[in-house]
Amino acid sequence: MLPPASPAFSARQRALHYWFADGFSTLVAGLGCLLFALSMFYGHNRRFTPVSILVALLLLFAYVAITLRQREIVEWLKSRITYPRTGFALPPSLPEESATYANLTVLALQEGESKRLAETGKIYADRKRRTLLMAAAVSLAMFSLMLVQQAWICAAAGVLMSVGLWIGTLKEQPLSWLILAGFPLVGLGMALFVADHVVGADRGACFLASTGALFFLNGALTLFRYLRRNPMPKPTQSL
């Protein structure tokens, strides 16, 4: 376990927790998954007509726009709902910075500064490893349930997805039990009621839609709790 050895690290952790405290990032990510799943369903189950092609392209465009502009959308929502309630904080540095420290020998005048930079490099290297493990688990879960015909693979994919997300977000955004328990339950439900007559890409679309629904619901509940705990302050009346 990597301890928070510097004030900068502690500040970064507080920024991460504040970034996810209102649920907007999870809610927007869930909306993106739902749009992509809907575009897969719509494009696969309809005949190609000008209207169907246009609707599928609009759904895909909305998904790409949300994916590419997710941070900007979240910041826009925060500026109107979160910051007026609990104040502004600099967003966390989300891009990986481990490459800055991976192949660099730091020479500093003060030993404490050199130690801090070395520990920061270890922190980002640990985050990179966990992110790669999460990406591998999620990819394996999605491809396995689309390529393997047996129904039980859906349940296994749900467990694998939950474990992968737990590993990837453990230290930055601990996921709620709604998501961690939701994926195995979704996989089990698909294995019992869906997998026999839904195969291939349609399975992936069903699972992606369930993913979006879980994230959207979790984000909505988080936002509801945040708004209840932090009502909008009343304007002060000047004397």
C-alpha atoms as a PDB file:
ATOM      1  CA  MET A   1       0.000   0.000   0.000  1.00  0.00           C
ATOM      2  CA  LEU A   2       1.302   3.423  -0.966  1.00  0.00           C
ATOM      3  CA  PRO A   3       0.845   5.921   1.892  1.00  0.00           C
ATOM      4  CA  PRO A   4      -0.048   9.553   1.256  1.00  0.00           C
ATOM      5  CA  ALA A   5       3.419  10.880   1.987  1.00  0.00           C
ATOM      6  CA  SER A   6       3.037  14.499   0.937  1.00  0.00           C
ATOM      7  CA  PRO A   7       0.549  17.376   1.236  1.00  0.00           C
ATOM      8  CA  ALA A   8       0.311  17.445  -2.574  1.00  0.00           C
ATOM      9  CA  PHE A   9      -0.843  13.843  -2.624  1.00  0.00           C
ATOM     10  CA  SER A  10      -3.423  14.506   0.096  1.00  0.00           C
ATOM     11  CA  ALA A  11      -4.720  17.522  -1.812  1.00  0.00           C
ATOM     12  CA  ARG A  12      -4.996  15.430  -4.990  1.00  0.00           C
ATOM     13  CA  GLN A  13      -6.975  12.764  -3.134  1.00  0.00           C
ATOM     14  CA  ARG A  14      -9.342  15.367  -1.689  1.00  0.00           C
ATOM     15  CA  ALA A  15      -9.838  16.812  -5.179  1.00  0.00           C
ATOM     16  CA  LEU A  16     -10.679  13.350  -6.521  1.00  0.00           C
ATOM     17  CA  HIS A  17     -13.219  12.689  -3.765  1.00  0.00           C
ATOM     18  CA  TYR A  18     -14.795  16.116  -4.290  1.00  0.00           C
ATOM     19  CA  TRP A  19     -14.923  15.524  -8.057  1.00  0.00           C
ATOM     20  CA  PHE A  20     -17.023  12.379  -7.571  1.00  0.00           C
ATOM     21  CA  ALA A  21     -19.037  13.548  -4.538  1.00  0.00           C
ATOM     22  CA  ASP A  22     -22.040  14.850  -6.513  1.00  0.00           C
ATOM     23  CA  GLY A  23     -22.369  11.872  -8.883  1.00  0.00           C
ATOM     24  CA  PHE A  24     -22.247  13.906 -12.099  1.00  0.00           C
ATOM     25  CA  SER A  25     -19.251  12.061 -13.569  1.00  0.00           C
ATOM     26  CA  THR A  26     -20.895   8.665 -12.983  1.00  0.00           C
ATOM     27  CA  LEU A  27     -24.242   9.897 -14.281  1.00  0.00           C
ATOM     28  CA  VAL A  28     -22.759  11.288 -17.508  1.00  0.00           C
ATOM     29  CA  ALA A  29     -20.712   8.122 -18.075  1.00  0.00           C
ATOM     30  CA  GLY A  30     -23.868   6.040 -17.651  1.00  0.00           C
ATOM     31  CA  LEU A  31     -25.731   8.220 -20.137  1.00  0.00           C
ATOM     32  CA  GLY A  32     -22.953   7.670 -22.679  1.00  0.00           C
ATOM     33  CA  CYS A  33     -23.152   3.880 -22.258  1.00  0.00           C
ATOM     34  CA  LEU A  34     -26.931   3.965 -22.669  1.00  0.00           C
ATOM     35  CA  LEU A  35     -26.697   6.004 -25.863  1.00  0.00           C
ATOM     36  CA  PHE A  36     -24.115   3.654 -27.368  1.00  0.00           C
ATOM     37  CA  ALA A  37     -26.171   0.575 -26.452  1.00  0.00           C
ATOM     38  CA  LEU A  38     -29.278   2.195 -27.916  1.00  0.00           C
ATOM     39  CA  SER A  39     -27.438   2.924 -31.163  1.00  0.00           C
ATOM     40  CA  MET A  40     -26.334  -0.736 -31.323  1.00  0.00           C
ATOM     41  CA  PHE A  41     -29.897  -1.977 -30.782  1.00  0.00           C
ATOM     42  CA  TYR A  42     -31.402   0.486 -33.232  1.00  0.00           C
ATOM     43  CA  GLY A  43     -28.902  -0.110 -36.012  1.00  0.00           C
ATOM     44  CA  HIS A  44     -28.963  -3.903 -35.684  1.00  0.00           C
ATOM     45  CA  ASN A  45     -32.683  -4.562 -35.406  1.00  0.00           C
ATOM     46  CA  ARG A  46     -33.999  -2.323 -38.191  1.00  0.00           C
ATOM     47  CA  ARG A  47     -33.836  -2.288 -41.960  1.00  0.00           C
ATOM     48  CA  PHE A  48     -31.592   0.306 -43.497  1.00  0.00           C
ATOM     49  CA  THR A  49     -33.704   3.310 -44.461  1.00  0.00           C
ATOM     50  CA  PRO A  50     -32.751   6.985 -44.581  1.00  0.00           C
ATOM     51  CA  VAL A  51     -34.621   7.593 -41.321  1.00  0.00           C
ATOM     52  CA  SER A  52     -33.068   4.636 -39.481  1.00  0.00           C
ATOM     53  CA  ILE A  53     -29.588   5.574 -40.670  1.00  0.00           C
ATOM     54  CA  LEU A  54     -30.117   9.176 -39.548  1.00  0.00           C
ATOM     55  CA  VAL A  55     -31.372   8.142 -36.092  1.00  0.00           C
ATOM     56  CA  ALA A  56     -28.496   5.683 -35.636  1.00  0.00           C
ATOM     57  CA  LEU A  57     -25.976   8.346 -36.653  1.00  0.00           C
ATOM     58  CA  LEU A  58     -27.548  10.883 -34.270  1.00  0.00           C
ATOM     59  CA  LEU A  59     -27.344   8.393 -31.380  1.00  0.00           C
ATOM     60  CA  LEU A  60     -23.746   7.575 -32.247  1.00  0.00           C
ATOM     61  CA  PHE A  61     -22.881  11.278 -32.562  1.00  0.00           C
ATOM     62  CA  ALA A  62     -24.427  11.979 -29.149  1.00  0.00           C
ATOM     63  CA  TYR A  63     -22.384   9.136 -27.629  1.00  0.00           C
ATOM     64  CA  VAL A  64     -19.125  10.392 -29.201  1.00  0.00           C
ATOM     65  CA  ALA A  65     -19.850  13.961 -28.100  1.00  0.00           C
ATOM     66  CA  ILE A  66     -20.507  12.901 -24.515  1.00  0.00           C
ATOM     67  CA  THR A  67     -17.412  10.685 -24.473  1.00  0.00           C
ATOM     68  CA  LEU A  68     -15.079  13.337 -25.866  1.00  0.00           C
ATOM     69  CA  ARG A  69     -16.588  16.206 -23.854  1.00  0.00           C
ATOM     70  CA  GLN A  70     -17.392  14.336 -20.653  1.00  0.00           C
ATOM     71  CA  ARG A  71     -15.094  16.433 -18.474  1.00  0.00           C
ATOM     72  CA  GLU A  72     -16.428  19.700 -19.919  1.00  0.00           C
ATOM     73  CA  ILE A  73     -20.034  18.558 -19.434  1.00  0.00           C
ATOM     74  CA  VAL A  74     -19.356  17.576 -15.825  1.00  0.00           C
ATOM     75  CA  GLU A  75     -17.626  20.900 -15.124  1.00  0.00           C
ATOM     76  CA  TRP A  76     -20.554  22.790 -16.683  1.00  0.00           C
ATOM     77  CA  LEU A  77     -23.001  20.948 -14.426  1.00  0.00           C
ATOM     78  CA  LYS A  78     -20.797  21.497 -11.390  1.00  0.00           C
ATOM     79  CA  SER A  79     -20.518  25.225 -12.069  1.00  0.00           C
ATOM     80  CA  ARG A  80     -24.309  25.537 -11.889  1.00  0.00           C
ATOM     81  CA  ILE A  81     -25.208  23.018  -9.179  1.00  0.00           C
ATOM     82  CA  THR A  82     -22.184  21.919  -7.133  1.00  0.00           C
ATOM     83  CA  TYR A  83     -19.950  24.963  -6.770  1.00  0.00           C
ATOM     84  CA  PRO A  84     -22.741  27.338  -5.641  1.00  0.00           C
ATOM     85  CA  ARG A  85     -23.454  24.899  -2.789  1.00  0.00           C
ATOM     86  CA  THR A  86     -20.085  23.665  -1.540  1.00  0.00           C
ATOM     87  CA  GLY A  87     -17.584  25.916  -3.255  1.00  0.00           C
ATOM     88  CA  PHE A  88     -15.126  25.614  -6.103  1.00  0.00           C
ATOM     89  CA  ALA A  89     -12.113  23.313  -6.076  1.00  0.00           C
ATOM     90  CA  LEU A  90      -9.554  22.745  -8.773  1.00  0.00           C
ATOM     91  CA  PRO A  91     -10.421  19.554 -10.673  1.00  0.00           C
ATOM     92  CA  PRO A  92      -8.024  16.644 -10.152  1.00  0.00           C
ATOM     93  CA  SER A  93      -5.238  15.978 -12.611  1.00  0.00           C
ATOM     94  CA  LEU A  94      -6.864  13.067 -14.394  1.00  0.00           C
ATOM     95  CA  PRO A  95      -4.275  12.344 -17.158  1.00  0.00           C
ATOM     96  CA  GLU A  96      -1.570   9.906 -16.204  1.00  0.00           C
ATOM     97  CA  GLU A  97       1.725  11.515 -15.263  1.00  0.00           C
ATOM     98  CA  SER A  98       3.688   8.357 -14.566  1.00  0.00           C
ATOM     99  CA  ALA A  99       5.727   8.771 -17.746  1.00  0.00           C
ATOM    100  CA  THR A 100       7.179  11.922 -16.264  1.00  0.00           C
ATOM    101  CA  TYR A 101       8.783   9.899 -13.491  1.00  0.00           C
ATOM    102  CA  ALA A 102       9.239   6.464 -15.052  1.00  0.00           C
ATOM    103  CA  ASN A 103      12.514   7.072 -16.902  1.00  0.00           C
ATOM    104  CA  LEU A 104      13.749  10.156 -15.122  1.00  0.00           C
ATOM    105  CA  THR A 105      16.360  10.411 -12.381  1.00  0.00           C
ATOM    106  CA  VAL A 106      15.321  13.373 -10.272  1.00  0.00           C
ATOM    107  CA  LEU A 107      18.096  15.615  -8.990  1.00  0.00           C
ATOM    108  CA  ALA A 108      16.905  18.032  -6.359  1.00  0.00           C
ATOM    109  CA  LEU A 109      18.672  20.332  -3.948  1.00  0.00           C
ATOM    110  CA  GLN A 110      16.483  19.156  -1.077  1.00  0.00           C
ATOM    111  CA  GLU A 111      16.229  15.483  -0.181  1.00  0.00           C
ATOM    112  CA  GLY A 112      12.568  15.862   0.816  1.00  0.00           C
ATOM    113  CA  GLU A 113      11.612  17.156  -2.623  1.00  0.00           C
ATOM    114  CA  SER A 114      13.400  14.298  -4.357  1.00  0.00           C
ATOM    115  CA  LYS A 115      11.648  11.778  -2.113  1.00  0.00           C
ATOM    116  CA  ARG A 116       8.276  13.389  -2.768  1.00  0.00           C
ATOM    117  CA  LEU A 117       8.731  13.195  -6.540  1.00  0.00           C
ATOM    118  CA  ALA A 118       9.821   9.574  -6.335  1.00  0.00           C
ATOM    119  CA  GLU A 119       6.745   8.685  -4.258  1.00  0.00           C
ATOM    120  CA  THR A 120       4.525  10.540  -6.713  1.00  0.00           C
ATOM    121  CA  GLY A 121       5.984   8.455  -9.527  1.00  0.00           C
ATOM    122  CA  LYS A 122       5.160   5.261  -7.618  1.00  0.00           C
ATOM    123  CA  ILE A 123       1.602   6.463  -7.050  1.00  0.00           C
ATOM    124  CA  TYR A 124       1.016   7.106 -10.747  1.00  0.00           C
ATOM    125  CA  ALA A 125       2.696   3.834 -11.721  1.00  0.00           C
ATOM    126  CA  ASP A 126       0.340   2.012  -9.350  1.00  0.00           C
ATOM    127  CA  ARG A 127      -2.640   3.817 -10.896  1.00  0.00           C
ATOM    128  CA  LYS A 128      -1.471   2.876 -14.385  1.00  0.00           C
ATOM    129  CA  ARG A 129      -1.201  -0.810 -13.442  1.00  0.00           C
ATOM    130  CA  ARG A 130      -4.673  -0.816 -11.930  1.00  0.00           C
ATOM    131  CA  THR A 131      -6.122   0.969 -14.958  1.00  0.00           C
ATOM    132  CA  LEU A 132      -4.586  -1.593 -17.317  1.00  0.00           C
ATOM    133  CA  LEU A 133      -5.965  -4.446 -15.196  1.00  0.00           C
ATOM    134  CA  MET A 134      -9.410  -2.835 -15.232  1.00  0.00           C
ATOM    135  CA  ALA A 135      -9.316  -2.347 -19.017  1.00  0.00           C
ATOM    136  CA  ALA A 136      -8.232  -5.965 -19.532  1.00  0.00           C
ATOM    137  CA  ALA A 137     -10.999  -7.299 -17.258  1.00  0.00           C
ATOM    138  CA  VAL A 138     -13.710  -5.164 -18.889  1.00  0.00           C
ATOM    139  CA  SER A 139     -12.576  -6.095 -22.420  1.00  0.00           C
ATOM    140  CA  LEU A 140     -12.412  -9.798 -21.541  1.00  0.00           C
ATOM    141  CA  ALA A 141     -15.890  -9.665 -20.008  1.00  0.00           C
ATOM    142  CA  MET A 142     -17.430  -7.967 -23.053  1.00  0.00           C
ATOM    143  CA  PHE A 143     -15.760 -10.146 -25.686  1.00  0.00           C
ATOM    144  CA  SER A 144     -16.363 -13.406 -23.800  1.00  0.00           C
ATOM    145  CA  LEU A 145     -20.112 -12.941 -23.471  1.00  0.00           C
ATOM    146  CA  MET A 146     -20.361 -12.039 -27.185  1.00  0.00           C
ATOM    147  CA  LEU A 147     -18.167 -14.909 -28.457  1.00  0.00           C
ATOM    148  CA  VAL A 148     -19.001 -17.758 -26.047  1.00  0.00           C
ATOM    149  CA  GLN A 149     -22.453 -19.219 -26.644  1.00  0.00           C
ATOM    150  CA  GLN A 150     -22.992 -20.870 -23.241  1.00  0.00           C
ATOM    151  CA  ALA A 151     -25.359 -19.006 -20.950  1.00  0.00           C
ATOM    152  CA  TRP A 152     -23.121 -19.239 -17.882  1.00  0.00           C
ATOM    153  CA  ILE A 153     -20.574 -16.910 -19.504  1.00  0.00           C
ATOM    154  CA  CYS A 154     -22.911 -13.979 -18.822  1.00  0.00           C
ATOM    155  CA  ALA A 155     -22.734 -14.591 -15.065  1.00  0.00           C
ATOM    156  CA  ALA A 156     -18.950 -14.957 -15.231  1.00  0.00           C
ATOM    157  CA  ALA A 157     -18.695 -11.731 -17.256  1.00  0.00           C
ATOM    158  CA  GLY A 158     -20.712  -9.870 -14.619  1.00  0.00           C
ATOM    159  CA  VAL A 159     -18.402 -11.014 -11.836  1.00  0.00           C
ATOM    160  CA  LEU A 160     -15.312 -10.187 -13.919  1.00  0.00           C
ATOM    161  CA  MET A 161     -16.643  -6.711 -14.707  1.00  0.00           C
ATOM    162  CA  SER A 162     -17.312  -6.003 -11.038  1.00  0.00           C
ATOM    163  CA  VAL A 163     -13.847  -7.186  -9.970  1.00  0.00           C
ATOM    164  CA  GLY A 164     -12.138  -5.191 -12.718  1.00  0.00           C
ATOM    165  CA  LEU A 165     -13.949  -1.964 -11.845  1.00  0.00           C
ATOM    166  CA  TRP A 166     -13.236  -2.481  -8.145  1.00  0.00           C
ATOM    167  CA  ILE A 167      -9.501  -2.863  -8.815  1.00  0.00           C
ATOM    168  CA  GLY A 168      -9.353   0.116 -11.160  1.00  0.00           C
ATOM    169  CA  THR A 169     -11.200   2.604  -8.960  1.00  0.00           C
ATOM    170  CA  LEU A 170     -10.309   1.391  -5.461  1.00  0.00           C
ATOM    171  CA  LYS A 171      -8.088   4.321  -4.448  1.00  0.00           C
ATOM    172  CA  GLU A 172      -9.671   7.146  -6.454  1.00  0.00           C
ATOM    173  CA  GLN A 173     -13.416   6.503  -6.490  1.00  0.00           C
ATOM    174  CA  PRO A 174     -14.593   3.600  -4.307  1.00  0.00           C
ATOM    175  CA  LEU A 175     -17.657   2.256  -6.109  1.00  0.00           C
ATOM    176  CA  SER A 176     -20.959   1.756  -4.325  1.00  0.00           C
ATOM    177  CA  TRP A 177     -22.436  -1.646  -3.631  1.00  0.00           C
ATOM    178  CA  LEU A 178     -25.118  -0.871  -6.213  1.00  0.00           C
ATOM    179  CA  ILE A 179     -22.498  -1.212  -8.951  1.00  0.00           C
ATOM    180  CA  LEU A 180     -20.291  -3.885  -7.386  1.00  0.00           C
ATOM    181  CA  ALA A 181     -23.269  -6.170  -6.666  1.00  0.00           C
ATOM    182  CA  GLY A 182     -25.253  -5.007  -9.678  1.00  0.00           C
ATOM    183  CA  PHE A 183     -22.959  -6.468 -12.344  1.00  0.00           C
ATOM    184  CA  PRO A 184     -23.023 -10.049 -10.978  1.00  0.00           C
ATOM    185  CA  LEU A 185     -26.815  -9.811 -10.638  1.00  0.00           C
ATOM    186  CA  VAL A 186     -27.141  -8.497 -14.196  1.00  0.00           C
ATOM    187  CA  GLY A 187     -24.929 -11.297 -15.477  1.00  0.00           C
ATOM    188  CA  LEU A 188     -26.944 -13.900 -13.585  1.00  0.00           C
ATOM    189  CA  GLY A 189     -30.197 -12.449 -14.888  1.00  0.00           C
ATOM    190  CA  MET A 190     -28.911 -12.539 -18.451  1.00  0.00           C
ATOM    191  CA  ALA A 191     -27.766 -16.149 -18.006  1.00  0.00           C
ATOM    192  CA  LEU A 192     -31.197 -17.216 -16.745  1.00  0.00           C
ATOM    193  CA  PHE A 193     -33.559 -15.204 -18.932  1.00  0.00           C
ATOM    194  CA  VAL A 194     -31.736 -13.668 -21.925  1.00  0.00           C
ATOM    195  CA  ALA A 195     -28.723 -15.692 -23.023  1.00  0.00           C
ATOM    196  CA  ASP A 196     -30.683 -18.520 -24.681  1.00  0.00           C
ATOM    197  CA  HIS A 197     -32.234 -16.316 -27.362  1.00  0.00           C
ATOM    198  CA  VAL A 198     -29.818 -13.361 -27.449  1.00  0.00           C
ATOM    199  CA  VAL A 199     -26.335 -13.978 -28.830  1.00  0.00           C
ATOM    200  CA  GLY A 200     -23.380 -12.146 -30.319  1.00  0.00           C
ATOM    201  CA  ALA A 201     -23.441  -8.373 -30.502  1.00  0.00           C
ATOM    202  CA  ASP A 202     -26.942  -8.215 -29.031  1.00  0.00           C
ATOM    203  CA  ARG A 203     -25.594  -9.713 -25.806  1.00  0.00           C
ATOM    204  CA  GLY A 204     -22.937  -7.026 -25.711  1.00  0.00           C
ATOM    205  CA  ALA A 205     -25.573  -4.358 -26.283  1.00  0.00           C
ATOM    206  CA  CYS A 206     -27.731  -5.766 -23.453  1.00  0.00           C
ATOM    207  CA  PHE A 207     -24.783  -5.836 -21.092  1.00  0.00           C
ATOM    208  CA  LEU A 208     -23.696  -2.324 -22.126  1.00  0.00           C
ATOM    209  CA  ALA A 209     -27.222  -1.026 -21.578  1.00  0.00           C
ATOM    210  CA  SER A 210     -27.225  -2.627 -18.115  1.00  0.00           C
ATOM    211  CA  THR A 211     -23.848  -0.995 -17.436  1.00  0.00           C
ATOM    212  CA  GLY A 212     -25.207   2.390 -18.422  1.00  0.00           C
ATOM    213  CA  ALA A 213     -28.327   1.895 -16.308  1.00  0.00           C
ATOM    214  CA  LEU A 214     -26.272   0.940 -13.235  1.00  0.00           C
ATOM    215  CA  PHE A 215     -23.941   3.928 -13.572  1.00  0.00           C
ATOM    216  CA  PHE A 216     -26.790   6.322 -14.341  1.00  0.00           C
ATOM    217  CA  LEU A 217     -28.823   5.101 -11.355  1.00  0.00           C
ATOM    218  CA  ASN A 218     -25.805   5.254  -9.057  1.00  0.00           C
ATOM    219  CA  GLY A 219     -25.003   8.780 -10.225  1.00  0.00           C
ATOM    220  CA  ALA A 220     -28.621   9.889  -9.801  1.00  0.00           C
ATOM    221  CA  LEU A 221     -28.783   8.514  -6.249  1.00  0.00           C
ATOM    222  CA  THR A 222     -25.446  10.118  -5.382  1.00  0.00           C
ATOM    223  CA  LEU A 223     -26.664  13.446  -6.756  1.00  0.00           C
ATOM    224  CA  PHE A 224     -29.931  13.136  -4.795  1.00  0.00           C
ATOM    225  CA  ARG A 225     -28.048  12.521  -1.537  1.00  0.00           C
ATOM    226  CA  TYR A 226     -25.647  15.385  -2.290  1.00  0.00           C
ATOM    227  CA  LEU A 227     -28.494  17.843  -2.937  1.00  0.00           C
ATOM    228  CA  ARG A 228     -30.249  16.798   0.272  1.00  0.00           C
ATOM    229  CA  ARG A 229     -27.094  17.309   2.344  1.00  0.00           C
ATOM    230  CA  ASN A 230     -26.147  20.559   0.635  1.00  0.00           C
ATOM    231  CA  PRO A 231     -29.137  22.800  -0.108  1.00  0.00           C
ATOM    232  CA  MET A 232     -28.588  26.007  -1.986  1.00  0.00           C
ATOM    233  CA  PRO A 233     -27.556  28.731   0.501  1.00  0.00           C
ATOM    234  CA  LYS A 234     -29.992  31.544   0.914  1.00  0.00           C
ATOM    235  CA  PRO A 235     -28.798  34.927  -0.361  1.00  0.00           C
ATOM    236  CA  THR A 236     -27.698  37.252   2.412  1.00  0.00           C
ATOM    237  CA  GLN A 237     -29.654  40.442   2.758  1.00  0.00           C
ATOM    238  CA  SER A 238     -27.618  43.601   2.899  1.00  0.00           C
ATOM    239  CA  LEU A 239     -28.398  46.018   5.713  1.00  0.00           C
END
